[in-house]
Amino acid sequence: MSRIGKKPIPIPKGVKVNIQDRTVLAEGPKGKLMTPLPEGIVCELKDSTAVLQRQSDSQAALHGLARSLLANAVTGVTSGFEKALDIVGIGYRAETRGRMVVFNLGYSHPIEFPLPEGINVTVSKQTRLVVSGIDKQKVGQVAANMRRLRSPDPYKQKGVRYVGERLKKKVGKTGAGGAKT
């Protein structure tokens, strides 16, 4: 039995949830999100909650997934999601130009990163980025793509990293303990 799938999704005031065929549309103050429902999963609205039920045990794996996706859609249209990134390194920085983020990450050229629709980025102190939007999956993917531009180096810890990310620092070569003659 799916414990996550059984939990009801509270729908806050100001959010409208409409069920159409195999999709659920969530509308709130921040925007609209559509969530598809897998075959065999049914959504019912009761008072100010949404409850997902499965028709048979063959959809057990998708029951919790569908509930999580719908809960993320409701949270996204009410408060949105954020992912913060830090840029660490001498001369490493970022700035926004319209719908583009320009990174200087130690390469011979600046990297222009176009922002997809529905995603906003704020840059503070040239080394702190905050990616925000209503779609949790899209926010996480854009943040991962930005991190991939210059992943943190295991030796000097330079690069783009998530705020609060713990890195393992590797020990470099030791020059004095070489071969004996």
C-alpha atoms as a PDB file:
ATOM      1  CA  MET A   1       0.000   0.000   0.000  1.00  0.00           C
ATOM      2  CA  SER A   2       1.216   3.456  -0.871  1.00  0.00           C
ATOM      3  CA  ARG A   3       1.382   5.647   2.213  1.00  0.00           C
ATOM      4  CA  ILE A   4       2.090   8.769   0.212  1.00  0.00           C
ATOM      5  CA  GLY A   5      -0.703   8.105  -2.287  1.00  0.00           C
ATOM      6  CA  LYS A   6      -3.332   7.834   0.467  1.00  0.00           C
ATOM      7  CA  LYS A   7      -2.600  11.260   1.983  1.00  0.00           C
ATOM      8  CA  PRO A   8      -5.135  13.927   0.991  1.00  0.00           C
ATOM      9  CA  ILE A   9      -3.821  17.081  -0.681  1.00  0.00           C
ATOM     10  CA  PRO A  10      -5.028  20.229   1.092  1.00  0.00           C
ATOM     11  CA  ILE A  11      -6.176  22.912  -1.355  1.00  0.00           C
ATOM     12  CA  PRO A  12      -5.623  26.409   0.085  1.00  0.00           C
ATOM     13  CA  LYS A  13      -7.973  29.326  -0.468  1.00  0.00           C
ATOM     14  CA  GLY A  14      -7.458  31.078  -3.793  1.00  0.00           C
ATOM     15  CA  VAL A  15      -6.577  27.858  -5.634  1.00  0.00           C
ATOM     16  CA  LYS A  16      -8.973  26.254  -8.094  1.00  0.00           C
ATOM     17  CA  VAL A  17      -8.550  22.598  -9.049  1.00  0.00           C
ATOM     18  CA  ASN A  18     -10.383  21.308 -12.147  1.00  0.00           C
ATOM     19  CA  ILE A  19     -10.398  17.668 -13.242  1.00  0.00           C
ATOM     20  CA  GLN A  20     -10.621  17.137 -17.012  1.00  0.00           C
ATOM     21  CA  ASP A  21     -10.371  13.572 -18.369  1.00  0.00           C
ATOM     22  CA  ARG A  22      -6.835  12.415 -17.454  1.00  0.00           C
ATOM     23  CA  THR A  23      -5.448  15.824 -16.402  1.00  0.00           C
ATOM     24  CA  VAL A  24      -5.813  18.021 -13.339  1.00  0.00           C
ATOM     25  CA  LEU A  25      -5.538  21.798 -13.780  1.00  0.00           C
ATOM     26  CA  ALA A  26      -4.414  23.828 -10.754  1.00  0.00           C
ATOM     27  CA  GLU A  27      -4.903  27.612 -10.919  1.00  0.00           C
ATOM     28  CA  GLY A  28      -3.600  29.964  -8.259  1.00  0.00           C
ATOM     29  CA  PRO A  29      -2.224  33.448  -7.715  1.00  0.00           C
ATOM     30  CA  LYS A  30       1.119  32.569  -9.350  1.00  0.00           C
ATOM     31  CA  GLY A  31      -0.241  30.841 -12.485  1.00  0.00           C
ATOM     32  CA  LYS A  32      -1.597  27.594 -13.919  1.00  0.00           C
ATOM     33  CA  LEU A  33      -0.153  24.089 -13.967  1.00  0.00           C
ATOM     34  CA  MET A  34      -1.509  20.951 -15.636  1.00  0.00           C
ATOM     35  CA  THR A  35      -0.722  17.547 -14.150  1.00  0.00           C
ATOM     36  CA  PRO A  36      -1.474  14.396 -16.156  1.00  0.00           C
ATOM     37  CA  LEU A  37      -2.885  11.402 -14.292  1.00  0.00           C
ATOM     38  CA  PRO A  38      -1.695   7.883 -15.172  1.00  0.00           C
ATOM     39  CA  GLU A  39      -4.155   5.200 -16.276  1.00  0.00           C
ATOM     40  CA  GLY A  40      -6.034   3.725 -13.341  1.00  0.00           C
ATOM     41  CA  ILE A  41      -5.555   6.705 -10.995  1.00  0.00           C
ATOM     42  CA  VAL A  42      -8.666   8.760 -10.202  1.00  0.00           C
ATOM     43  CA  CYS A  43      -8.778  12.179  -8.510  1.00  0.00           C
ATOM     44  CA  GLU A  44     -11.745  13.230  -6.378  1.00  0.00           C
ATOM     45  CA  LEU A  45     -12.396  16.612  -4.778  1.00  0.00           C
ATOM     46  CA  LYS A  46     -13.814  16.544  -1.242  1.00  0.00           C
ATOM     47  CA  ASP A  47     -14.397  19.836   0.596  1.00  0.00           C
ATOM     48  CA  SER A  48     -11.025  21.601   0.354  1.00  0.00           C
ATOM     49  CA  THR A  49      -8.906  18.511  -0.330  1.00  0.00           C
ATOM     50  CA  ALA A  50      -8.044  16.345  -3.310  1.00  0.00           C
ATOM     51  CA  VAL A  51      -7.776  12.583  -2.866  1.00  0.00           C
ATOM     52  CA  LEU A  52      -6.157  10.217  -5.359  1.00  0.00           C
ATOM     53  CA  GLN A  53      -7.317   6.607  -5.538  1.00  0.00           C
ATOM     54  CA  ARG A  54      -6.119   3.711  -7.647  1.00  0.00           C
ATOM     55  CA  GLN A  55      -8.421   1.213  -9.296  1.00  0.00           C
ATOM     56  CA  SER A  56      -6.200  -1.848  -8.827  1.00  0.00           C
ATOM     57  CA  ASP A  57      -2.902  -2.841  -7.230  1.00  0.00           C
ATOM     58  CA  SER A  58      -1.131  -2.850 -10.598  1.00  0.00           C
ATOM     59  CA  GLN A  59      -0.913   0.977 -10.377  1.00  0.00           C
ATOM     60  CA  ALA A  60       0.633   0.947  -6.892  1.00  0.00           C
ATOM     61  CA  ALA A  61       3.935   2.377  -8.115  1.00  0.00           C
ATOM     62  CA  LEU A  62       2.216   5.311  -9.848  1.00  0.00           C
ATOM     63  CA  HIS A  63      -0.164   6.113  -6.982  1.00  0.00           C
ATOM     64  CA  GLY A  64       2.372   7.942  -4.822  1.00  0.00           C
ATOM     65  CA  LEU A  65       4.013   9.540  -7.844  1.00  0.00           C
ATOM     66  CA  ALA A  66       0.740  11.039  -9.093  1.00  0.00           C
ATOM     67  CA  ARG A  67      -0.070  12.358  -5.615  1.00  0.00           C
ATOM     68  CA  SER A  68       3.370  13.989  -5.274  1.00  0.00           C
ATOM     69  CA  LEU A  69       3.137  15.628  -8.700  1.00  0.00           C
ATOM     70  CA  LEU A  70      -0.305  17.049  -7.932  1.00  0.00           C
ATOM     71  CA  ALA A  71       0.802  18.281  -4.489  1.00  0.00           C
ATOM     72  CA  ASN A  72       3.802  20.006  -6.108  1.00  0.00           C
ATOM     73  CA  ALA A  73       1.480  21.676  -8.635  1.00  0.00           C
ATOM     74  CA  VAL A  74      -0.764  23.013  -5.851  1.00  0.00           C
ATOM     75  CA  THR A  75       2.265  24.259  -3.884  1.00  0.00           C
ATOM     76  CA  GLY A  76       3.765  25.807  -7.023  1.00  0.00           C
ATOM     77  CA  VAL A  77       0.724  27.897  -7.914  1.00  0.00           C
ATOM     78  CA  THR A  78       0.417  29.183  -4.333  1.00  0.00           C
ATOM     79  CA  SER A  79       3.983  29.885  -3.189  1.00  0.00           C
ATOM     80  CA  GLY A  80       6.329  28.691  -5.966  1.00  0.00           C
ATOM     81  CA  PHE A  81       9.709  26.998  -5.682  1.00  0.00           C
ATOM     82  CA  GLU A  82      13.268  28.303  -5.352  1.00  0.00           C
ATOM     83  CA  LYS A  83      16.722  26.809  -5.757  1.00  0.00           C
ATOM     84  CA  ALA A  84      19.791  28.825  -4.693  1.00  0.00           C
ATOM     85  CA  LEU A  85      23.266  28.489  -6.232  1.00  0.00           C
ATOM     86  CA  ASP A  86      26.641  29.852  -5.122  1.00  0.00           C
ATOM     87  CA  ILE A  87      29.505  30.680  -7.474  1.00  0.00           C
ATOM     88  CA  VAL A  88      32.906  30.109  -5.835  1.00  0.00           C
ATOM     89  CA  GLY A  89      36.203  31.110  -7.445  1.00  0.00           C
ATOM     90  CA  ILE A  90      38.324  34.160  -8.168  1.00  0.00           C
ATOM     91  CA  GLY A  91      36.790  36.107 -11.034  1.00  0.00           C
ATOM     92  CA  TYR A  92      33.767  33.794 -11.271  1.00  0.00           C
ATOM     93  CA  ARG A  93      30.513  35.746 -11.482  1.00  0.00           C
ATOM     94  CA  ALA A  94      27.116  36.007 -13.143  1.00  0.00           C
ATOM     95  CA  GLU A  95      24.775  38.773 -14.268  1.00  0.00           C
ATOM     96  CA  THR A  96      21.340  38.957 -15.856  1.00  0.00           C
ATOM     97  CA  ARG A  97      20.632  40.612 -19.198  1.00  0.00           C
ATOM     98  CA  GLY A  98      16.936  40.455 -19.946  1.00  0.00           C
ATOM     99  CA  ARG A  99      15.934  36.775 -20.273  1.00  0.00           C
ATOM    100  CA  MET A 100      19.601  35.697 -20.311  1.00  0.00           C
ATOM    101  CA  VAL A 101      22.135  34.954 -17.564  1.00  0.00           C
ATOM    102  CA  VAL A 102      25.768  35.611 -18.490  1.00  0.00           C
ATOM    103  CA  PHE A 103      28.364  33.571 -16.586  1.00  0.00           C
ATOM    104  CA  ASN A 104      32.109  34.248 -16.318  1.00  0.00           C
ATOM    105  CA  LEU A 105      33.501  30.965 -15.012  1.00  0.00           C
ATOM    106  CA  GLY A 106      37.182  31.019 -15.872  1.00  0.00           C
ATOM    107  CA  TYR A 107      36.795  30.020 -19.503  1.00  0.00           C
ATOM    108  CA  SER A 108      38.155  32.159 -22.352  1.00  0.00           C
ATOM    109  CA  HIS A 109      34.619  33.380 -23.137  1.00  0.00           C
ATOM    110  CA  PRO A 110      31.485  34.300 -21.203  1.00  0.00           C
ATOM    111  CA  ILE A 111      28.658  31.733 -21.249  1.00  0.00           C
ATOM    112  CA  GLU A 112      25.180  32.984 -22.138  1.00  0.00           C
ATOM    113  CA  PHE A 113      22.414  30.899 -20.564  1.00  0.00           C
ATOM    114  CA  PRO A 114      18.901  31.553 -21.956  1.00  0.00           C
ATOM    115  CA  LEU A 115      16.081  31.230 -19.426  1.00  0.00           C
ATOM    116  CA  PRO A 116      13.069  29.087 -20.321  1.00  0.00           C
ATOM    117  CA  GLU A 117       9.539  30.452 -20.038  1.00  0.00           C
ATOM    118  CA  GLY A 118       8.222  30.506 -16.462  1.00  0.00           C
ATOM    119  CA  ILE A 119      11.658  30.658 -14.802  1.00  0.00           C
ATOM    120  CA  ASN A 120      13.109  33.759 -13.128  1.00  0.00           C
ATOM    121  CA  VAL A 121      16.667  34.246 -11.877  1.00  0.00           C
ATOM    122  CA  THR A 122      17.861  36.895  -9.455  1.00  0.00           C
ATOM    123  CA  VAL A 123      21.576  37.553  -8.992  1.00  0.00           C
ATOM    124  CA  SER A 124      22.873  39.150  -5.801  1.00  0.00           C
ATOM    125  CA  LYS A 125      26.498  40.095  -5.174  1.00  0.00           C
ATOM    126  CA  GLN A 126      27.402  38.516  -8.567  1.00  0.00           C
ATOM    127  CA  THR A 127      28.010  35.174  -6.835  1.00  0.00           C
ATOM    128  CA  ARG A 128      24.555  34.143  -5.535  1.00  0.00           C
ATOM    129  CA  LEU A 129      21.816  33.025  -7.930  1.00  0.00           C
ATOM    130  CA  VAL A 130      18.232  32.213  -6.991  1.00  0.00           C
ATOM    131  CA  VAL A 131      16.257  30.250  -9.592  1.00  0.00           C
ATOM    132  CA  SER A 132      12.505  30.514  -9.015  1.00  0.00           C
ATOM    133  CA  GLY A 133       9.293  29.434 -10.699  1.00  0.00           C
ATOM    134  CA  ILE A 134       6.027  27.557 -10.213  1.00  0.00           C
ATOM    135  CA  ASP A 135       7.085  24.225 -11.755  1.00  0.00           C
ATOM    136  CA  LYS A 136       9.323  22.275  -9.351  1.00  0.00           C
ATOM    137  CA  GLN A 137      10.750  20.013 -12.065  1.00  0.00           C
ATOM    138  CA  LYS A 138      11.658  22.908 -14.348  1.00  0.00           C
ATOM    139  CA  VAL A 139      13.275  24.912 -11.511  1.00  0.00           C
ATOM    140  CA  GLY A 140      15.399  21.917 -10.507  1.00  0.00           C
ATOM    141  CA  GLN A 141      16.428  21.171 -14.104  1.00  0.00           C
ATOM    142  CA  VAL A 142      17.471  24.766 -14.827  1.00  0.00           C
ATOM    143  CA  ALA A 143      19.493  24.875 -11.583  1.00  0.00           C
ATOM    144  CA  ALA A 144      21.168  21.562 -12.500  1.00  0.00           C
ATOM    145  CA  ASN A 145      22.010  22.867 -15.985  1.00  0.00           C
ATOM    146  CA  MET A 146      23.568  26.006 -14.472  1.00  0.00           C
ATOM    147  CA  ARG A 147      25.593  23.886 -12.039  1.00  0.00           C
ATOM    148  CA  ARG A 148      26.792  21.732 -14.926  1.00  0.00           C
ATOM    149  CA  LEU A 149      28.410  24.784 -16.602  1.00  0.00           C
ATOM    150  CA  ARG A 150      31.256  24.523 -14.073  1.00  0.00           C
ATOM    151  CA  SER A 151      30.803  21.681 -11.571  1.00  0.00           C
ATOM    152  CA  PRO A 152      32.649  22.093  -8.268  1.00  0.00           C
ATOM    153  CA  ASP A 153      36.270  21.005  -8.486  1.00  0.00           C
ATOM    154  CA  PRO A 154      37.101  18.265  -5.950  1.00  0.00           C
ATOM    155  CA  TYR A 155      40.586  19.734  -5.279  1.00  0.00           C
ATOM    156  CA  LYS A 156      40.067  23.496  -4.955  1.00  0.00           C
ATOM    157  CA  GLN A 157      36.259  23.499  -4.460  1.00  0.00           C
ATOM    158  CA  LYS A 158      35.804  26.132  -7.211  1.00  0.00           C
ATOM    159  CA  GLY A 159      32.716  26.189  -9.407  1.00  0.00           C
ATOM    160  CA  VAL A 160      28.925  26.488  -9.240  1.00  0.00           C
ATOM    161  CA  ARG A 161      27.271  24.666  -6.346  1.00  0.00           C
ATOM    162  CA  TYR A 162      23.938  24.500  -4.562  1.00  0.00           C
ATOM    163  CA  VAL A 163      23.655  26.499  -1.344  1.00  0.00           C
ATOM    164  CA  GLY A 164      24.280  24.117   1.542  1.00  0.00           C
ATOM    165  CA  GLU A 165      25.855  21.431  -0.687  1.00  0.00           C
ATOM    166  CA  ARG A 166      28.587  19.514   1.104  1.00  0.00           C
ATOM    167  CA  LEU A 167      31.578  18.610  -1.035  1.00  0.00           C
ATOM    168  CA  LYS A 168      34.308  16.088  -0.365  1.00  0.00           C
ATOM    169  CA  LYS A 169      37.686  17.703  -0.766  1.00  0.00           C
ATOM    170  CA  LYS A 170      40.373  15.520  -2.277  1.00  0.00           C
ATOM    171  CA  VAL A 171      43.991  15.757  -1.242  1.00  0.00           C
ATOM    172  CA  GLY A 172      46.344  16.770  -4.034  1.00  0.00           C
ATOM    173  CA  LYS A 173      49.771  15.380  -4.844  1.00  0.00           C
ATOM    174  CA  THR A 174      52.535  15.601  -2.272  1.00  0.00           C
ATOM    175  CA  GLY A 175      55.779  16.738  -3.847  1.00  0.00           C
ATOM    176  CA  ALA A 176      58.248  15.814  -1.064  1.00  0.00           C
ATOM    177  CA  GLY A 177      57.471  12.107  -0.664  1.00  0.00           C
ATOM    178  CA  GLY A 178      58.736  11.015  -4.097  1.00  0.00           C
ATOM    179  CA  ALA A 179      60.755   7.957  -5.182  1.00  0.00           C
ATOM    180  CA  LYS A 180      63.921   6.965  -3.318  1.00  0.00           C
ATOM    181  CA  THR A 181      67.249   6.651  -5.158  1.00  0.00           C
END
